[in-house]
Amino acid sequence: MIHLILLIITWFATTISGVQWISGFLFEFNLKNLQTGLPYSLSILFILGCHEFGHYFAAKYHKVPVTLPYFIPFPPIPGFINFGTMGAVIRTKSIIPNNRAMFDIGVYGPIAGFIASLFVLVYGFTHLPGIEYITNIHPDYFSDNFANDALILQFGDSILFHFLGSVFTNPDQFIPPMSEIYHYPYLCAGWFGLFITSMNMIPVGQLDGGHIIYSMFGDEKHRRIAKTSLALIIALGISGVVSPLIGWQEPIGWTGWLMWAALLYFLIKIHHPPVLNFYELDNKRKIIGYFTLLILVVTFSPAPIIIKF
């Protein structure tokens, strides 16, 4: 029952957030415009659900007792940047017996979420509305004075997002810039899916990336990789603080990485706990593991959220 209640609350919160993203943060919410947020909320729940059930079915395959996904709602506060959710988690009810099971449980979540994000993004890019869509939201969008005296929110590009936008759109159609994609529900949800995939794939502690690296290379190499990864995240966070101070137009980092680094260090922890039995992974699992590292590279954005004054 708790899983169902959290799912319903998260659906409602993400639907309101979807209306906010599409209509602007100063909208008047009512049940009549609730349907506007459905493409966003259903896409978000589809991506998160695929990710968590990837973990779930891998755990079931290895006979590891596991809970259903707990969806985590986040209240859609007007004027505050949020996606209506903080993701979803499952909880194993027993010790994972060996690194092969650990690898499978860790790897199939991000792969499933990654594939779901691809589906949503391809659909979004191949079903872009006409230019009148953006002018209905911003009537002065193509004027010289548009957003001159306003804050500009821009999502950070990634290798994969840019590639999909290049392949699945036509040069003669209007393609929204990164500062406007949050008005397009499938692009916004797909971008969010890539973002949370990349955050989970950072090879630290008990993140999915930490499970994978530990299972592939063992404790000693995992410790070195985890410390290096955390140092890079901190460096990107500091860069996000320094960039505006020295007048860089395009920041190379994001201040949010400092908060994520603190959560990794104090809550999730840097090092991976040991498993009872450690075996050499077979070649199939190694290939899948290296593929997920490629997923990290193509989905990672050093500055995922940019606010320009």
C-alpha atoms as a PDB file:
ATOM      1  CA  MET A   1       0.000   0.000   0.000  1.00  0.00           C
ATOM      2  CA  ILE A   2       2.832   2.442   0.820  1.00  0.00           C
ATOM      3  CA  HIS A   3       4.303   1.906  -2.653  1.00  0.00           C
ATOM      4  CA  LEU A   4       0.960   2.678  -4.302  1.00  0.00           C
ATOM      5  CA  ILE A   5       0.388   5.780  -2.157  1.00  0.00           C
ATOM      6  CA  LEU A   6       3.863   7.137  -2.957  1.00  0.00           C
ATOM      7  CA  LEU A   7       3.311   6.424  -6.648  1.00  0.00           C
ATOM      8  CA  ILE A   8       0.015   8.348  -6.669  1.00  0.00           C
ATOM      9  CA  ILE A   9       1.511  11.296  -4.761  1.00  0.00           C
ATOM     10  CA  THR A  10       4.533  11.350  -7.081  1.00  0.00           C
ATOM     11  CA  TRP A  11       2.258  11.200 -10.123  1.00  0.00           C
ATOM     12  CA  PHE A  12       0.273  14.174  -8.814  1.00  0.00           C
ATOM     13  CA  ALA A  13       3.422  16.167  -7.918  1.00  0.00           C
ATOM     14  CA  THR A  14       5.088  15.500 -11.279  1.00  0.00           C
ATOM     15  CA  THR A  15       1.886  16.372 -13.130  1.00  0.00           C
ATOM     16  CA  ILE A  16       1.749  19.766 -11.397  1.00  0.00           C
ATOM     17  CA  SER A  17       5.460  20.217 -12.153  1.00  0.00           C
ATOM     18  CA  GLY A  18       4.753  19.375 -15.783  1.00  0.00           C
ATOM     19  CA  VAL A  19       2.149  22.163 -15.925  1.00  0.00           C
ATOM     20  CA  GLN A  20       4.706  24.509 -14.321  1.00  0.00           C
ATOM     21  CA  TRP A  21       7.449  23.648 -16.788  1.00  0.00           C
ATOM     22  CA  ILE A  22       5.170  24.035 -19.794  1.00  0.00           C
ATOM     23  CA  SER A  23       3.090  27.029 -18.735  1.00  0.00           C
ATOM     24  CA  GLY A  24       5.545  28.945 -16.576  1.00  0.00           C
ATOM     25  CA  PHE A  25       5.979  29.090 -12.824  1.00  0.00           C
ATOM     26  CA  LEU A  26       3.384  31.817 -12.218  1.00  0.00           C
ATOM     27  CA  PHE A  27       0.473  29.738 -13.502  1.00  0.00           C
ATOM     28  CA  GLU A  28      -2.842  29.340 -11.713  1.00  0.00           C
ATOM     29  CA  PHE A  29      -3.281  25.642 -11.099  1.00  0.00           C
ATOM     30  CA  ASN A  30      -6.665  23.955 -11.340  1.00  0.00           C
ATOM     31  CA  LEU A  31      -7.984  20.560 -12.350  1.00  0.00           C
ATOM     32  CA  LYS A  32      -8.804  21.854 -15.832  1.00  0.00           C
ATOM     33  CA  ASN A  33      -5.137  22.286 -16.763  1.00  0.00           C
ATOM     34  CA  LEU A  34      -4.002  19.111 -14.984  1.00  0.00           C
ATOM     35  CA  GLN A  35      -3.989  17.207 -18.276  1.00  0.00           C
ATOM     36  CA  THR A  36      -1.340  19.604 -19.611  1.00  0.00           C
ATOM     37  CA  GLY A  37       1.188  18.035 -17.255  1.00  0.00           C
ATOM     38  CA  LEU A  38       0.368  14.405 -18.070  1.00  0.00           C
ATOM     39  CA  PRO A  39       2.870  13.905 -20.944  1.00  0.00           C
ATOM     40  CA  TYR A  40       5.640  15.063 -18.614  1.00  0.00           C
ATOM     41  CA  SER A  41       4.549  13.120 -15.520  1.00  0.00           C
ATOM     42  CA  LEU A  42       3.849   9.869 -17.351  1.00  0.00           C
ATOM     43  CA  SER A  43       7.213  10.094 -19.134  1.00  0.00           C
ATOM     44  CA  ILE A  44       9.037  10.719 -15.853  1.00  0.00           C
ATOM     45  CA  LEU A  45       7.293   7.815 -14.121  1.00  0.00           C
ATOM     46  CA  PHE A  46       7.976   5.560 -17.121  1.00  0.00           C
ATOM     47  CA  ILE A  47      11.715   6.333 -16.980  1.00  0.00           C
ATOM     48  CA  LEU A  48      11.972   5.976 -13.194  1.00  0.00           C
ATOM     49  CA  GLY A  49       9.860   2.825 -13.224  1.00  0.00           C
ATOM     50  CA  CYS A  50      12.012   1.183 -15.901  1.00  0.00           C
ATOM     51  CA  HIS A  51      15.158   2.053 -13.947  1.00  0.00           C
ATOM     52  CA  GLU A  52      13.941   0.623 -10.663  1.00  0.00           C
ATOM     53  CA  PHE A  53      12.326  -2.463 -12.155  1.00  0.00           C
ATOM     54  CA  GLY A  54      15.622  -3.155 -13.919  1.00  0.00           C
ATOM     55  CA  HIS A  55      17.125  -3.476 -10.433  1.00  0.00           C
ATOM     56  CA  TYR A  56      14.058  -5.337  -9.155  1.00  0.00           C
ATOM     57  CA  PHE A  57      13.997  -8.105 -11.754  1.00  0.00           C
ATOM     58  CA  ALA A  58      17.786  -8.570 -11.569  1.00  0.00           C
ATOM     59  CA  ALA A  59      17.435  -9.056  -7.808  1.00  0.00           C
ATOM     60  CA  LYS A  60      14.598 -11.532  -8.344  1.00  0.00           C
ATOM     61  CA  TYR A  61      16.740 -13.429 -10.862  1.00  0.00           C
ATOM     62  CA  HIS A  62      19.439 -13.874  -8.216  1.00  0.00           C
ATOM     63  CA  LYS A  63      16.816 -14.738  -5.565  1.00  0.00           C
ATOM     64  CA  VAL A  64      17.667 -11.667  -3.484  1.00  0.00           C
ATOM     65  CA  PRO A  65      14.569 -10.509  -1.539  1.00  0.00           C
ATOM     66  CA  VAL A  66      13.743  -6.964  -2.600  1.00  0.00           C
ATOM     67  CA  THR A  67      10.969  -4.404  -2.180  1.00  0.00           C
ATOM     68  CA  LEU A  68       8.910  -2.836  -4.920  1.00  0.00           C
ATOM     69  CA  PRO A  69      10.054   0.672  -5.932  1.00  0.00           C
ATOM     70  CA  TYR A  70       9.480   3.548  -3.531  1.00  0.00           C
ATOM     71  CA  PHE A  71       8.747   6.632  -5.644  1.00  0.00           C
ATOM     72  CA  ILE A  72       9.884   9.808  -3.895  1.00  0.00           C
ATOM     73  CA  PRO A  73       7.660  12.858  -4.470  1.00  0.00           C
ATOM     74  CA  PHE A  74       8.915  16.419  -4.165  1.00  0.00           C
ATOM     75  CA  PRO A  75       6.405  19.247  -3.665  1.00  0.00           C
ATOM     76  CA  PRO A  76       6.158  21.429  -6.800  1.00  0.00           C
ATOM     77  CA  ILE A  77       6.703  24.826  -5.165  1.00  0.00           C
ATOM     78  CA  PRO A  78       5.907  27.724  -7.548  1.00  0.00           C
ATOM     79  CA  GLY A  79       9.051  29.623  -8.530  1.00  0.00           C
ATOM     80  CA  PHE A  80      11.338  26.833  -7.302  1.00  0.00           C
ATOM     81  CA  ILE A  81      13.211  24.639  -9.765  1.00  0.00           C
ATOM     82  CA  ASN A  82      12.172  21.034  -9.246  1.00  0.00           C
ATOM     83  CA  PHE A  83      10.927  18.064 -11.208  1.00  0.00           C
ATOM     84  CA  GLY A  84       8.174  16.899  -8.854  1.00  0.00           C
ATOM     85  CA  THR A  85      10.234  13.929  -7.714  1.00  0.00           C
ATOM     86  CA  MET A  86      13.573  13.015  -6.210  1.00  0.00           C
ATOM     87  CA  GLY A  87      13.618   9.706  -8.058  1.00  0.00           C
ATOM     88  CA  ALA A  88      12.780   6.244  -6.791  1.00  0.00           C
ATOM     89  CA  VAL A  89      14.553   3.508  -4.835  1.00  0.00           C
ATOM     90  CA  ILE A  90      14.227  -0.165  -4.015  1.00  0.00           C
ATOM     91  CA  ARG A  91      15.591  -1.873  -0.913  1.00  0.00           C
ATOM     92  CA  THR A  92      17.142  -5.307  -0.751  1.00  0.00           C
ATOM     93  CA  LYS A  93      16.092  -7.345   2.308  1.00  0.00           C
ATOM     94  CA  SER A  94      19.180  -9.538   2.568  1.00  0.00           C
ATOM     95  CA  ILE A  95      22.898  -9.451   1.906  1.00  0.00           C
ATOM     96  CA  ILE A  96      23.819  -9.738  -1.771  1.00  0.00           C
ATOM     97  CA  PRO A  97      25.855 -12.970  -1.894  1.00  0.00           C
ATOM     98  CA  ASN A  98      28.537 -12.165  -4.484  1.00  0.00           C
ATOM     99  CA  ASN A  99      29.819  -9.544  -6.896  1.00  0.00           C
ATOM    100  CA  ARG A 100      28.161 -11.196  -9.910  1.00  0.00           C
ATOM    101  CA  ALA A 101      24.744 -10.667  -8.352  1.00  0.00           C
ATOM    102  CA  MET A 102      25.844  -7.199  -7.229  1.00  0.00           C
ATOM    103  CA  PHE A 103      26.911  -6.362 -10.771  1.00  0.00           C
ATOM    104  CA  ASP A 104      23.657  -7.557 -12.338  1.00  0.00           C
ATOM    105  CA  ILE A 105      21.482  -5.736  -9.822  1.00  0.00           C
ATOM    106  CA  GLY A 106      23.516  -2.552 -10.200  1.00  0.00           C
ATOM    107  CA  VAL A 107      23.826  -2.543 -13.977  1.00  0.00           C
ATOM    108  CA  TYR A 108      20.352  -3.318 -15.252  1.00  0.00           C
ATOM    109  CA  GLY A 109      18.704  -0.356 -13.531  1.00  0.00           C
ATOM    110  CA  PRO A 110      20.651   2.361 -15.379  1.00  0.00           C
ATOM    111  CA  ILE A 111      20.523   0.405 -18.642  1.00  0.00           C
ATOM    112  CA  ALA A 112      16.716   0.112 -18.428  1.00  0.00           C
ATOM    113  CA  GLY A 113      16.355   3.783 -17.457  1.00  0.00           C
ATOM    114  CA  PHE A 114      18.748   4.801 -20.222  1.00  0.00           C
ATOM    115  CA  ILE A 115      16.758   2.917 -22.862  1.00  0.00           C
ATOM    116  CA  ALA A 116      13.493   4.393 -21.545  1.00  0.00           C
ATOM    117  CA  SER A 117      15.003   7.900 -21.758  1.00  0.00           C
ATOM    118  CA  LEU A 118      16.048   7.213 -25.346  1.00  0.00           C
ATOM    119  CA  PHE A 119      12.485   6.221 -26.268  1.00  0.00           C
ATOM    120  CA  VAL A 120      11.076   9.382 -24.698  1.00  0.00           C
ATOM    121  CA  LEU A 121      13.661  11.657 -26.334  1.00  0.00           C
ATOM    122  CA  VAL A 122      13.321  10.113 -29.787  1.00  0.00           C
ATOM    123  CA  TYR A 123       9.562  10.528 -29.547  1.00  0.00           C
ATOM    124  CA  GLY A 124      10.011  14.116 -28.360  1.00  0.00           C
ATOM    125  CA  PHE A 125      12.392  15.082 -31.160  1.00  0.00           C
ATOM    126  CA  THR A 126      10.310  13.381 -33.859  1.00  0.00           C
ATOM    127  CA  HIS A 127       7.077  15.002 -32.636  1.00  0.00           C
ATOM    128  CA  LEU A 128       8.189  18.585 -32.076  1.00  0.00           C
ATOM    129  CA  PRO A 129       5.270  21.018 -32.336  1.00  0.00           C
ATOM    130  CA  GLY A 130       5.343  23.918 -34.752  1.00  0.00           C
ATOM    131  CA  ILE A 131       6.817  27.325 -34.068  1.00  0.00           C
ATOM    132  CA  GLU A 132       3.457  28.589 -32.814  1.00  0.00           C
ATOM    133  CA  TYR A 133       3.913  26.418 -29.707  1.00  0.00           C
ATOM    134  CA  ILE A 134       6.742  28.560 -28.340  1.00  0.00           C
ATOM    135  CA  THR A 135       5.137  31.848 -29.419  1.00  0.00           C
ATOM    136  CA  ASN A 136       1.966  30.910 -27.517  1.00  0.00           C
ATOM    137  CA  ILE A 137       4.123  30.611 -24.395  1.00  0.00           C
ATOM    138  CA  HIS A 138       6.392  33.591 -25.208  1.00  0.00           C
ATOM    139  CA  PRO A 139       4.575  35.944 -27.624  1.00  0.00           C
ATOM    140  CA  ASP A 140       7.720  38.125 -27.835  1.00  0.00           C
ATOM    141  CA  TYR A 141      10.121  35.187 -28.261  1.00  0.00           C
ATOM    142  CA  PHE A 142      11.536  36.405 -31.582  1.00  0.00           C
ATOM    143  CA  SER A 143      11.745  40.060 -30.608  1.00  0.00           C
ATOM    144  CA  ASP A 144      15.103  41.725 -29.938  1.00  0.00           C
ATOM    145  CA  ASN A 145      14.124  42.514 -26.357  1.00  0.00           C
ATOM    146  CA  PHE A 146      13.106  38.988 -25.350  1.00  0.00           C
ATOM    147  CA  ALA A 147      14.425  38.059 -21.869  1.00  0.00           C
ATOM    148  CA  ASN A 148      16.720  41.107 -21.720  1.00  0.00           C
ATOM    149  CA  ASP A 149      15.789  41.852 -18.122  1.00  0.00           C
ATOM    150  CA  ALA A 150      14.906  38.345 -16.968  1.00  0.00           C
ATOM    151  CA  LEU A 151      16.654  35.381 -15.464  1.00  0.00           C
ATOM    152  CA  ILE A 152      17.394  32.678 -18.016  1.00  0.00           C
ATOM    153  CA  LEU A 153      17.194  29.011 -17.002  1.00  0.00           C
ATOM    154  CA  GLN A 154      19.173  26.721 -19.251  1.00  0.00           C
ATOM    155  CA  PHE A 155      19.617  22.964 -19.083  1.00  0.00           C
ATOM    156  CA  GLY A 156      23.106  21.682 -19.793  1.00  0.00           C
ATOM    157  CA  ASP A 157      23.662  19.788 -23.020  1.00  0.00           C
ATOM    158  CA  SER A 158      25.236  16.336 -23.173  1.00  0.00           C
ATOM    159  CA  ILE A 159      26.837  14.387 -25.988  1.00  0.00           C
ATOM    160  CA  LEU A 160      23.836  12.094 -26.372  1.00  0.00           C
ATOM    161  CA  PHE A 161      21.147  14.780 -26.098  1.00  0.00           C
ATOM    162  CA  HIS A 162      22.914  16.861 -28.755  1.00  0.00           C
ATOM    163  CA  PHE A 163      23.337  13.815 -30.995  1.00  0.00           C
ATOM    164  CA  LEU A 164      19.675  12.835 -30.779  1.00  0.00           C
ATOM    165  CA  GLY A 165      18.614  16.397 -31.527  1.00  0.00           C
ATOM    166  CA  SER A 166      20.830  16.432 -34.611  1.00  0.00           C
ATOM    167  CA  VAL A 167      19.685  13.062 -35.961  1.00  0.00           C
ATOM    168  CA  PHE A 168      15.933  13.151 -35.314  1.00  0.00           C
ATOM    169  CA  THR A 169      15.096  16.721 -36.370  1.00  0.00           C
ATOM    170  CA  ASN A 170      14.998  18.527 -39.696  1.00  0.00           C
ATOM    171  CA  PRO A 171      17.062  21.656 -40.417  1.00  0.00           C
ATOM    172  CA  ASP A 172      13.949  23.524 -41.602  1.00  0.00           C
ATOM    173  CA  GLN A 173      11.989  23.111 -38.341  1.00  0.00           C
ATOM    174  CA  PHE A 174      12.249  25.101 -35.128  1.00  0.00           C
ATOM    175  CA  ILE A 175      14.413  23.224 -32.636  1.00  0.00           C
ATOM    176  CA  PRO A 176      14.188  24.659 -29.118  1.00  0.00           C
ATOM    177  CA  PRO A 177      17.480  25.785 -27.556  1.00  0.00           C
ATOM    178  CA  MET A 178      18.596  24.378 -24.209  1.00  0.00           C
ATOM    179  CA  SER A 179      17.080  27.452 -22.542  1.00  0.00           C
ATOM    180  CA  GLU A 180      13.582  26.459 -23.729  1.00  0.00           C
ATOM    181  CA  ILE A 181      13.423  22.646 -23.752  1.00  0.00           C
ATOM    182  CA  TYR A 182      11.681  22.557 -20.362  1.00  0.00           C
ATOM    183  CA  HIS A 183       8.566  23.819 -22.159  1.00  0.00           C
ATOM    184  CA  TYR A 184       8.587  20.595 -24.209  1.00  0.00           C
ATOM    185  CA  PRO A 185       7.443  17.781 -21.875  1.00  0.00           C
ATOM    186  CA  TYR A 186       9.073  14.817 -23.628  1.00  0.00           C
ATOM    187  CA  LEU A 187      12.385  16.616 -24.083  1.00  0.00           C
ATOM    188  CA  CYS A 188      12.287  17.806 -20.484  1.00  0.00           C
ATOM    189  CA  ALA A 189      11.486  14.338 -19.106  1.00  0.00           C
ATOM    190  CA  GLY A 190      14.045  12.663 -21.376  1.00  0.00           C
ATOM    191  CA  TRP A 191      16.716  15.169 -20.363  1.00  0.00           C
ATOM    192  CA  PHE A 192      15.887  14.497 -16.708  1.00  0.00           C
ATOM    193  CA  GLY A 193      16.195  10.763 -17.369  1.00  0.00           C
ATOM    194  CA  LEU A 194      19.692  11.193 -18.803  1.00  0.00           C
ATOM    195  CA  PHE A 195      20.604  13.480 -15.909  1.00  0.00           C
ATOM    196  CA  ILE A 196      19.608  11.046 -13.164  1.00  0.00           C
ATOM    197  CA  THR A 197      21.221   8.184 -15.098  1.00  0.00           C
ATOM    198  CA  SER A 198      24.547  10.030 -15.195  1.00  0.00           C
ATOM    199  CA  MET A 199      24.314  10.949 -11.498  1.00  0.00           C
ATOM    200  CA  ASN A 200      23.664   7.310 -10.572  1.00  0.00           C
ATOM    201  CA  MET A 201      26.497   6.126 -12.793  1.00  0.00           C
ATOM    202  CA  ILE A 202      29.157   8.129 -10.937  1.00  0.00           C
ATOM    203  CA  PRO A 203      31.431   5.320  -9.627  1.00  0.00           C
ATOM    204  CA  VAL A 204      31.250   6.194  -5.939  1.00  0.00           C
ATOM    205  CA  GLY A 205      30.075   4.134  -2.966  1.00  0.00           C
ATOM    206  CA  GLN A 206      26.722   2.417  -3.397  1.00  0.00           C
ATOM    207  CA  LEU A 207      25.569   4.368  -6.413  1.00  0.00           C
ATOM    208  CA  ASP A 208      24.864   2.141  -9.411  1.00  0.00           C
ATOM    209  CA  GLY A 209      28.224   3.138 -10.861  1.00  0.00           C
ATOM    210  CA  GLY A 210      29.888   2.201  -7.580  1.00  0.00           C
ATOM    211  CA  HIS A 211      28.278  -1.259  -7.630  1.00  0.00           C
ATOM    212  CA  ILE A 212      29.478  -1.795 -11.202  1.00  0.00           C
ATOM    213  CA  ILE A 213      33.066  -0.618 -10.706  1.00  0.00           C
ATOM    214  CA  TYR A 214      33.434  -2.540  -7.455  1.00  0.00           C
ATOM    215  CA  SER A 215      32.076  -5.725  -9.027  1.00  0.00           C
ATOM    216  CA  MET A 216      34.346  -5.384 -12.054  1.00  0.00           C
ATOM    217  CA  PHE A 217      37.626  -4.351 -10.455  1.00  0.00           C
ATOM    218  CA  GLY A 218      37.467  -5.133  -6.732  1.00  0.00           C
ATOM    219  CA  ASP A 219      37.931  -3.029  -3.618  1.00  0.00           C
ATOM    220  CA  GLU A 220      41.378  -1.473  -4.187  1.00  0.00           C
ATOM    221  CA  LYS A 221      40.723  -0.128  -7.684  1.00  0.00           C
ATOM    222  CA  HIS A 222      37.223   0.947  -6.700  1.00  0.00           C
ATOM    223  CA  ARG A 223      38.622   3.051  -3.858  1.00  0.00           C
ATOM    224  CA  ARG A 224      41.018   4.861  -6.194  1.00  0.00           C
ATOM    225  CA  ILE A 225      38.349   5.429  -8.841  1.00  0.00           C
ATOM    226  CA  ALA A 226      35.802   6.583  -6.250  1.00  0.00           C
ATOM    227  CA  LYS A 227      38.189   9.122  -4.681  1.00  0.00           C
ATOM    228  CA  THR A 228      39.159  10.473  -8.100  1.00  0.00           C
ATOM    229  CA  SER A 229      35.514  10.740  -9.147  1.00  0.00           C
ATOM    230  CA  LEU A 230      34.563  12.573  -5.957  1.00  0.00           C
ATOM    231  CA  ALA A 231      37.481  14.991  -6.447  1.00  0.00           C
ATOM    232  CA  LEU A 232      36.296  15.743  -9.997  1.00  0.00           C
ATOM    233  CA  ILE A 233      32.734  16.346  -8.782  1.00  0.00           C
ATOM    234  CA  ILE A 234      34.040  18.761  -6.124  1.00  0.00           C
ATOM    235  CA  ALA A 235      36.182  20.518  -8.761  1.00  0.00           C
ATOM    236  CA  LEU A 236      33.139  20.965 -11.010  1.00  0.00           C
ATOM    237  CA  GLY A 237      31.194  22.330  -8.028  1.00  0.00           C
ATOM    238  CA  ILE A 238      33.916  24.858  -7.200  1.00  0.00           C
ATOM    239  CA  SER A 239      34.087  25.817 -10.871  1.00  0.00           C
ATOM    240  CA  GLY A 240      30.346  26.454 -10.787  1.00  0.00           C
ATOM    241  CA  VAL A 241      30.892  28.899  -7.904  1.00  0.00           C
ATOM    242  CA  VAL A 242      33.897  30.631  -9.475  1.00  0.00           C
ATOM    243  CA  SER A 243      32.590  30.902 -13.063  1.00  0.00           C
ATOM    244  CA  PRO A 244      30.037  33.698 -12.439  1.00  0.00           C
ATOM    245  CA  LEU A 245      32.465  35.601 -10.235  1.00  0.00           C
ATOM    246  CA  ILE A 246      35.050  35.929 -13.002  1.00  0.00           C
ATOM    247  CA  GLY A 247      32.486  36.639 -15.689  1.00  0.00           C
ATOM    248  CA  TRP A 248      32.485  33.411 -17.719  1.00  0.00           C
ATOM    249  CA  GLN A 249      29.512  33.413 -20.085  1.00  0.00           C
ATOM    250  CA  GLU A 250      29.262  29.614 -20.140  1.00  0.00           C
ATOM    251  CA  PRO A 251      30.102  27.967 -16.795  1.00  0.00           C
ATOM    252  CA  ILE A 252      32.134  24.768 -16.797  1.00  0.00           C
ATOM    253  CA  GLY A 253      30.643  23.510 -13.549  1.00  0.00           C
ATOM    254  CA  TRP A 254      27.535  23.604 -11.357  1.00  0.00           C
ATOM    255  CA  THR A 255      27.224  24.568  -7.708  1.00  0.00           C
ATOM    256  CA  GLY A 256      24.819  21.656  -7.187  1.00  0.00           C
ATOM    257  CA  TRP A 257      27.736  19.248  -7.553  1.00  0.00           C
ATOM    258  CA  LEU A 258      29.010  20.443  -4.158  1.00  0.00           C
ATOM    259  CA  MET A 259      25.756  19.359  -2.499  1.00  0.00           C
ATOM    260  CA  TRP A 260      25.876  16.050  -4.378  1.00  0.00           C
ATOM    261  CA  ALA A 261      29.501  15.554  -3.270  1.00  0.00           C
ATOM    262  CA  ALA A 262      28.481  16.195   0.362  1.00  0.00           C
ATOM    263  CA  LEU A 263      25.682  13.623   0.095  1.00  0.00           C
ATOM    264  CA  LEU A 264      28.103  11.125  -1.415  1.00  0.00           C
ATOM    265  CA  TYR A 265      30.704  11.687   1.275  1.00  0.00           C
ATOM    266  CA  PHE A 266      28.496  11.811   4.377  1.00  0.00           C
ATOM    267  CA  LEU A 267      25.439   9.738   3.444  1.00  0.00           C
ATOM    268  CA  ILE A 268      26.122   7.356   0.546  1.00  0.00           C
ATOM    269  CA  LYS A 269      29.827   7.054   1.482  1.00  0.00           C
ATOM    270  CA  ILE A 270      32.783   6.829  -0.887  1.00  0.00           C
ATOM    271  CA  HIS A 271      33.810   3.211  -0.423  1.00  0.00           C
ATOM    272  CA  HIS A 272      31.748   0.189  -1.341  1.00  0.00           C
ATOM    273  CA  PRO A 273      31.014  -2.367   1.414  1.00  0.00           C
ATOM    274  CA  PRO A 274      32.526  -5.804   0.748  1.00  0.00           C
ATOM    275  CA  VAL A 275      30.544  -8.771  -0.560  1.00  0.00           C
ATOM    276  CA  LEU A 276      30.856 -12.271   0.870  1.00  0.00           C
ATOM    277  CA  ASN A 277      32.224 -13.875  -2.292  1.00  0.00           C
ATOM    278  CA  PHE A 278      34.163 -12.160  -5.063  1.00  0.00           C
ATOM    279  CA  TYR A 279      34.648 -13.800  -8.465  1.00  0.00           C
ATOM    280  CA  GLU A 280      36.142 -12.832 -11.792  1.00  0.00           C
ATOM    281  CA  LEU A 281      33.347 -11.561 -14.033  1.00  0.00           C
ATOM    282  CA  ASP A 282      32.756 -13.283 -17.350  1.00  0.00           C
ATOM    283  CA  ASN A 283      33.424 -11.451 -20.608  1.00  0.00           C
ATOM    284  CA  LYS A 284      29.737 -10.771 -21.233  1.00  0.00           C
ATOM    285  CA  ARG A 285      29.402  -8.903 -17.957  1.00  0.00           C
ATOM    286  CA  LYS A 286      32.656  -7.013 -18.584  1.00  0.00           C
ATOM    287  CA  ILE A 287      31.401  -5.818 -21.972  1.00  0.00           C
ATOM    288  CA  ILE A 288      28.117  -4.693 -20.398  1.00  0.00           C
ATOM    289  CA  GLY A 289      30.079  -2.951 -17.639  1.00  0.00           C
ATOM    290  CA  TYR A 290      32.216  -0.990 -20.109  1.00  0.00           C
ATOM    291  CA  PHE A 291      29.052  -0.109 -22.037  1.00  0.00           C
ATOM    292  CA  THR A 292      27.574   1.473 -18.907  1.00  0.00           C
ATOM    293  CA  LEU A 293      30.748   3.533 -18.480  1.00  0.00           C
ATOM    294  CA  LEU A 294      30.131   4.788 -22.013  1.00  0.00           C
ATOM    295  CA  ILE A 295      26.587   5.685 -20.924  1.00  0.00           C
ATOM    296  CA  LEU A 296      28.102   7.848 -18.170  1.00  0.00           C
ATOM    297  CA  VAL A 297      30.308   9.676 -20.692  1.00  0.00           C
ATOM    298  CA  VAL A 298      27.536  10.430 -23.219  1.00  0.00           C
ATOM    299  CA  THR A 299      24.869  11.421 -20.649  1.00  0.00           C
ATOM    300  CA  PHE A 300      27.014  13.510 -18.277  1.00  0.00           C
ATOM    301  CA  SER A 301      26.690  17.289 -18.348  1.00  0.00           C
ATOM    302  CA  PRO A 302      29.323  19.242 -16.355  1.00  0.00           C
ATOM    303  CA  ALA A 303      26.877  22.141 -15.939  1.00  0.00           C
ATOM    304  CA  PRO A 304      23.401  20.550 -15.995  1.00  0.00           C
ATOM    305  CA  ILE A 305      21.482  23.591 -14.699  1.00  0.00           C
ATOM    306  CA  ILE A 306      22.575  27.083 -15.653  1.00  0.00           C
ATOM    307  CA  ILE A 307      20.956  30.305 -14.447  1.00  0.00           C
ATOM    308  CA  LYS A 308      22.001  33.446 -16.286  1.00  0.00           C
ATOM    309  CA  PHE A 309      21.334  36.963 -15.028  1.00  0.00           C
END
